[in-house]
């Protein structure tokens, strides 16, 4: 990522309790709140909600 980029790198973690994480980027300006995405968790082989961690 460029040093002057407006986007930040965040980790989203599975709500299923497996500890699986994805790394995504988001714009702090347009999405100041924590993000939630429904993505695939390969440890339980299902789609579950992933929430942004600290």
PDB file of N, CA and C in Angstrom:
ATOM      1  N   UNK A   1       0.848  -1.181   0.000  1.00  0.00           N
ATOM      2  CA  UNK A   1       0.000   0.000   0.000  1.00  0.00           C
ATOM      3  C   UNK A   1       0.894   1.246   0.000  1.00  0.00           C
ATOM      4  N   UNK A   2       0.464   2.241  -0.693  1.00  0.00           N
ATOM      5  CA  UNK A   2       1.199   3.492  -0.734  1.00  0.00           C
ATOM      6  C   UNK A   2       1.050   4.222   0.593  1.00  0.00           C
ATOM      7  N   UNK A   3       2.052   4.958   0.974  1.00  0.00           N
ATOM      8  CA  UNK A   3       2.048   5.657   2.253  1.00  0.00           C
ATOM      9  C   UNK A   3       1.007   6.754   2.333  1.00  0.00           C
ATOM     10  N   UNK A   4       0.608   7.322   1.202  1.00  0.00           N
ATOM     11  CA  UNK A   4      -0.350   8.419   1.206  1.00  0.00           C
ATOM     12  C   UNK A   4      -1.762   7.948   0.839  1.00  0.00           C
ATOM     13  N   UNK A   5      -2.014   6.655   0.965  1.00  0.00           N
ATOM     14  CA  UNK A   5      -3.309   6.098   0.599  1.00  0.00           C
ATOM     15  C   UNK A   5      -4.380   6.484   1.614  1.00  0.00           C
ATOM     16  N   UNK A   6      -5.602   6.647   1.158  1.00  0.00           N
ATOM     17  CA  UNK A   6      -6.738   6.979   2.026  1.00  0.00           C
ATOM     18  C   UNK A   6      -7.380   5.731   2.616  1.00  0.00           C
ATOM     19  N   UNK A   7      -6.888   4.554   2.225  1.00  0.00           N
ATOM     20  CA  UNK A   7      -7.466   3.297   2.690  1.00  0.00           C
ATOM     21  C   UNK A   7      -6.576   2.685   3.768  1.00  0.00           C
ATOM     22  N   UNK A   8      -7.190   1.949   4.683  1.00  0.00           N
ATOM     23  CA  UNK A   8      -6.447   1.297   5.758  1.00  0.00           C
ATOM     24  C   UNK A   8      -6.664  -0.215   5.682  1.00  0.00           C
ATOM     25  N   UNK A   9      -5.687  -0.973   6.148  1.00  0.00           N
ATOM     26  CA  UNK A   9      -5.777  -2.427   6.178  1.00  0.00           C
ATOM     27  C   UNK A   9      -6.448  -2.837   7.485  1.00  0.00           C
ATOM     28  N   UNK A  10      -7.476  -3.680   7.403  1.00  0.00           N
ATOM     29  CA  UNK A  10      -8.166  -4.172   8.592  1.00  0.00           C
ATOM     30  C   UNK A  10      -8.293  -5.691   8.502  1.00  0.00           C
ATOM     31  N   UNK A  11      -8.435  -6.321   9.660  1.00  0.00           N
ATOM     32  CA  UNK A  11      -8.649  -7.760   9.735  1.00  0.00           C
ATOM     33  C   UNK A  11     -10.096  -8.011  10.099  1.00  0.00           C
ATOM     34  N   UNK A  12     -10.709  -8.982   9.433  1.00  0.00           N
ATOM     35  CA  UNK A  12     -12.055  -9.395   9.817  1.00  0.00           C
ATOM     36  C   UNK A  12     -11.967 -10.845  10.274  1.00  0.00           C
ATOM     37  N   UNK A  13     -12.621 -11.153  11.395  1.00  0.00           N
ATOM     38  CA  UNK A  13     -12.515 -12.473  12.012  1.00  0.00           C
ATOM     39  C   UNK A  13     -13.875 -13.154  12.036  1.00  0.00           C
ATOM     40  N   UNK A  14     -13.853 -14.469  11.889  1.00  0.00           N
ATOM     41  CA  UNK A  14     -15.066 -15.279  11.857  1.00  0.00           C
ATOM     42  C   UNK A  14     -15.818 -15.195  13.185  1.00  0.00           C
ATOM     43  N   UNK A  15     -17.144 -15.090  13.095  1.00  0.00           N
ATOM     44  CA  UNK A  15     -17.978 -15.082  14.299  1.00  0.00           C
ATOM     45  C   UNK A  15     -18.295 -16.505  14.760  1.00  0.00           C
ATOM     46  N   UNK A  16     -17.850 -17.507  13.991  1.00  0.00           N
ATOM     47  CA  UNK A  16     -18.100 -18.904  14.354  1.00  0.00           C
ATOM     48  C   UNK A  16     -17.138 -19.389  15.435  1.00  0.00           C
ATOM     49  N   UNK A  17     -16.152 -18.581  15.777  1.00  0.00           N
ATOM     50  CA  UNK A  17     -15.226 -18.952  16.843  1.00  0.00           C
ATOM     51  C   UNK A  17     -14.055 -19.796  16.393  1.00  0.00           C
ATOM     52  N   UNK A  18     -13.817 -19.897  15.095  1.00  0.00           N
ATOM     53  CA  UNK A  18     -12.706 -20.712  14.593  1.00  0.00           C
ATOM     54  C   UNK A  18     -11.389 -19.953  14.602  1.00  0.00           C
ATOM     55  N   UNK A  19     -11.440 -18.629  14.666  1.00  0.00           N
ATOM     56  CA  UNK A  19     -10.222 -17.835  14.646  1.00  0.00           C
ATOM     57  C   UNK A  19      -9.723 -17.523  13.254  1.00  0.00           C
ATOM     58  N   UNK A  20     -10.464 -17.931  12.216  1.00  0.00           N
ATOM     59  CA  UNK A  20     -10.050 -17.677  10.845  1.00  0.00           C
ATOM     60  C   UNK A  20     -10.231 -16.194  10.526  1.00  0.00           C
ATOM     61  N   UNK A  21      -9.250 -15.610   9.816  1.00  0.00           N
ATOM     62  CA  UNK A  21      -9.280 -14.176   9.501  1.00  0.00           C
ATOM     63  C   UNK A  21      -9.018 -13.921   8.031  1.00  0.00           C
ATOM     64  N   UNK A  22      -9.612 -12.838   7.547  1.00  0.00           N
ATOM     65  CA  UNK A  22      -9.309 -12.286   6.231  1.00  0.00           C
ATOM     66  C   UNK A  22      -8.709 -10.906   6.450  1.00  0.00           C
ATOM     67  N   UNK A  23      -7.877 -10.460   5.504  1.00  0.00           N
ATOM     68  CA  UNK A  23      -7.334  -9.112   5.519  1.00  0.00           C
ATOM     69  C   UNK A  23      -7.959  -8.354   4.360  1.00  0.00           C
ATOM     70  N   UNK A  24      -8.556  -7.194   4.654  1.00  0.00           N
ATOM     71  CA  UNK A  24      -9.191  -6.375   3.625  1.00  0.00           C
ATOM     72  C   UNK A  24      -8.750  -4.930   3.812  1.00  0.00           C
ATOM     73  N   UNK A  25      -9.078  -4.089   2.849  1.00  0.00           N
ATOM     74  CA  UNK A  25      -8.849  -2.654   3.004  1.00  0.00           C
ATOM     75  C   UNK A  25     -10.196  -1.950   3.003  1.00  0.00           C
ATOM     76  N   UNK A  26     -10.251  -0.836   3.720  1.00  0.00           N
ATOM     77  CA  UNK A  26     -11.480  -0.048   3.726  1.00  0.00           C
ATOM     78  C   UNK A  26     -11.122   1.427   3.785  1.00  0.00           C
ATOM     79  N   UNK A  27     -12.055   2.251   3.361  1.00  0.00           N
ATOM     80  CA  UNK A  27     -11.883   3.694   3.399  1.00  0.00           C
ATOM     81  C   UNK A  27     -12.440   4.210   4.724  1.00  0.00           C
ATOM     82  N   UNK A  28     -11.593   4.851   5.517  1.00  0.00           N
ATOM     83  CA  UNK A  28     -12.034   5.413   6.799  1.00  0.00           C
ATOM     84  C   UNK A  28     -13.026   6.556   6.591  1.00  0.00           C
ATOM     85  N   UNK A  29     -12.915   7.223   5.465  1.00  0.00           N
ATOM     86  CA  UNK A  29     -13.777   8.380   5.207  1.00  0.00           C
ATOM     87  C   UNK A  29     -15.218   7.961   4.924  1.00  0.00           C
ATOM     88  N   UNK A  30     -15.404   6.946   4.080  1.00  0.00           N
ATOM     89  CA  UNK A  30     -16.762   6.546   3.714  1.00  0.00           C
ATOM     90  C   UNK A  30     -17.348   5.493   4.648  1.00  0.00           C
ATOM     91  N   UNK A  31     -16.490   4.741   5.373  1.00  0.00           N
ATOM     92  CA  UNK A  31     -16.956   3.693   6.295  1.00  0.00           C
ATOM     93  C   UNK A  31     -16.239   3.810   7.637  1.00  0.00           C
ATOM     94  N   UNK A  32     -16.578   4.797   8.447  1.00  0.00           N
ATOM     95  CA  UNK A  32     -15.884   4.949   9.740  1.00  0.00           C
ATOM     96  C   UNK A  32     -16.274   3.864  10.747  1.00  0.00           C
ATOM     97  N   UNK A  33     -17.426   3.210  10.557  1.00  0.00           N
ATOM     98  CA  UNK A  33     -17.860   2.170  11.483  1.00  0.00           C
ATOM     99  C   UNK A  33     -17.148   0.849  11.163  1.00  0.00           C
ATOM    100  N   UNK A  34     -17.285  -0.118  12.073  1.00  0.00           N
ATOM    101  CA  UNK A  34     -16.683  -1.436  11.852  1.00  0.00           C
ATOM    102  C   UNK A  34     -17.446  -2.171  10.739  1.00  0.00           C
ATOM    103  N   UNK A  35     -16.701  -2.889   9.906  1.00  0.00           N
ATOM    104  CA  UNK A  35     -17.314  -3.574   8.769  1.00  0.00           C
ATOM    105  C   UNK A  35     -17.719  -4.992   9.137  1.00  0.00           C
ATOM    106  N   UNK A  36     -18.715  -5.504   8.434  1.00  0.00           N
ATOM    107  CA  UNK A  36     -19.165  -6.886   8.552  1.00  0.00           C
ATOM    108  C   UNK A  36     -19.373  -7.428   7.145  1.00  0.00           C
ATOM    109  N   UNK A  37     -18.862  -8.623   6.890  1.00  0.00           N
ATOM    110  CA  UNK A  37     -19.026  -9.269   5.594  1.00  0.00           C
ATOM    111  C   UNK A  37     -19.409 -10.720   5.817  1.00  0.00           C
ATOM    112  N   UNK A  38     -20.213 -11.272   4.926  1.00  0.00           N
ATOM    113  CA  UNK A  38     -20.513 -12.694   4.968  1.00  0.00           C
ATOM    114  C   UNK A  38     -19.555 -13.361   3.994  1.00  0.00           C
ATOM    115  N   UNK A  39     -18.641 -14.180   4.537  1.00  0.00           N
ATOM    116  CA  UNK A  39     -17.609 -14.821   3.736  1.00  0.00           C
ATOM    117  C   UNK A  39     -17.484 -16.288   4.121  1.00  0.00           C
ATOM    118  N   UNK A  40     -16.683 -17.015   3.355  1.00  0.00           N
ATOM    119  CA  UNK A  40     -16.514 -18.451   3.553  1.00  0.00           C
ATOM    120  C   UNK A  40     -15.462 -18.726   4.629  1.00  0.00           C
ATOM    121  N   UNK A  41     -15.798 -19.577   5.589  1.00  0.00           N
ATOM    122  CA  UNK A  41     -14.860 -20.023   6.613  1.00  0.00           C
ATOM    123  C   UNK A  41     -14.472 -21.464   6.281  1.00  0.00           C
ATOM    124  N   UNK A  42     -13.240 -21.697   5.810  1.00  0.00           N
ATOM    125  CA  UNK A  42     -12.847 -23.040   5.387  1.00  0.00           C
ATOM    126  C   UNK A  42     -12.719 -24.036   6.534  1.00  0.00           C
ATOM    127  N   UNK A  43     -12.589 -23.580   7.759  1.00  0.00           N
ATOM    128  CA  UNK A  43     -12.453 -24.508   8.884  1.00  0.00           C
ATOM    129  C   UNK A  43     -13.756 -25.232   9.188  1.00  0.00           C
ATOM    130  N   UNK A  44     -14.893 -24.559   8.977  1.00  0.00           N
ATOM    131  CA  UNK A  44     -16.187 -25.216   9.200  1.00  0.00           C
ATOM    132  C   UNK A  44     -16.937 -25.451   7.892  1.00  0.00           C
ATOM    133  N   UNK A  45     -16.338 -25.022   6.787  1.00  0.00           N
ATOM    134  CA  UNK A  45     -16.878 -25.228   5.434  1.00  0.00           C
ATOM    135  C   UNK A  45     -18.273 -24.646   5.258  1.00  0.00           C
ATOM    136  N   UNK A  46     -18.458 -23.402   5.749  1.00  0.00           N
ATOM    137  CA  UNK A  46     -19.728 -22.691   5.616  1.00  0.00           C
ATOM    138  C   UNK A  46     -19.461 -21.203   5.446  1.00  0.00           C
ATOM    139  N   UNK A  47     -20.472 -20.484   4.966  1.00  0.00           N
ATOM    140  CA  UNK A  47     -20.430 -19.040   4.938  1.00  0.00           C
ATOM    141  C   UNK A  47     -20.947 -18.524   6.282  1.00  0.00           C
ATOM    142  N   UNK A  48     -20.189 -17.629   6.897  1.00  0.00           N
ATOM    143  CA  UNK A  48     -20.577 -17.034   8.179  1.00  0.00           C
ATOM    144  C   UNK A  48     -20.239 -15.558   8.149  1.00  0.00           C
ATOM    145  N   UNK A  49     -20.738 -14.830   9.137  1.00  0.00           N
ATOM    146  CA  UNK A  49     -20.431 -13.407   9.248  1.00  0.00           C
ATOM    147  C   UNK A  49     -19.016 -13.228   9.795  1.00  0.00           C
ATOM    148  N   UNK A  50     -18.302 -12.280   9.208  1.00  0.00           N
ATOM    149  CA  UNK A  50     -16.985 -11.900   9.681  1.00  0.00           C
ATOM    150  C   UNK A  50     -17.083 -10.454  10.128  1.00  0.00           C
ATOM    151  N   UNK A  51     -16.531 -10.148  11.316  1.00  0.00           N
ATOM    152  CA  UNK A  51     -16.579  -8.789  11.850  1.00  0.00           C
ATOM    153  C   UNK A  51     -15.168  -8.256  12.026  1.00  0.00           C
ATOM    154  N   UNK A  52     -15.042  -6.948  11.860  1.00  0.00           N
ATOM    155  CA  UNK A  52     -13.746  -6.281  11.995  1.00  0.00           C
ATOM    156  C   UNK A  52     -13.238  -6.369  13.428  1.00  0.00           C
ATOM    157  N   UNK A  53     -11.948  -6.697  13.565  1.00  0.00           N
ATOM    158  CA  UNK A  53     -11.315  -6.749  14.885  1.00  0.00           C
ATOM    159  C   UNK A  53     -10.474  -5.503  15.090  1.00  0.00           C
ATOM    160  N   UNK A  54      -9.962  -5.324  16.279  1.00  0.00           N
ATOM    161  CA  UNK A  54      -9.115  -4.168  16.575  1.00  0.00           C
ATOM    162  C   UNK A  54      -7.797  -4.261  15.845  1.00  0.00           C
TER     163      UNK A  54
END
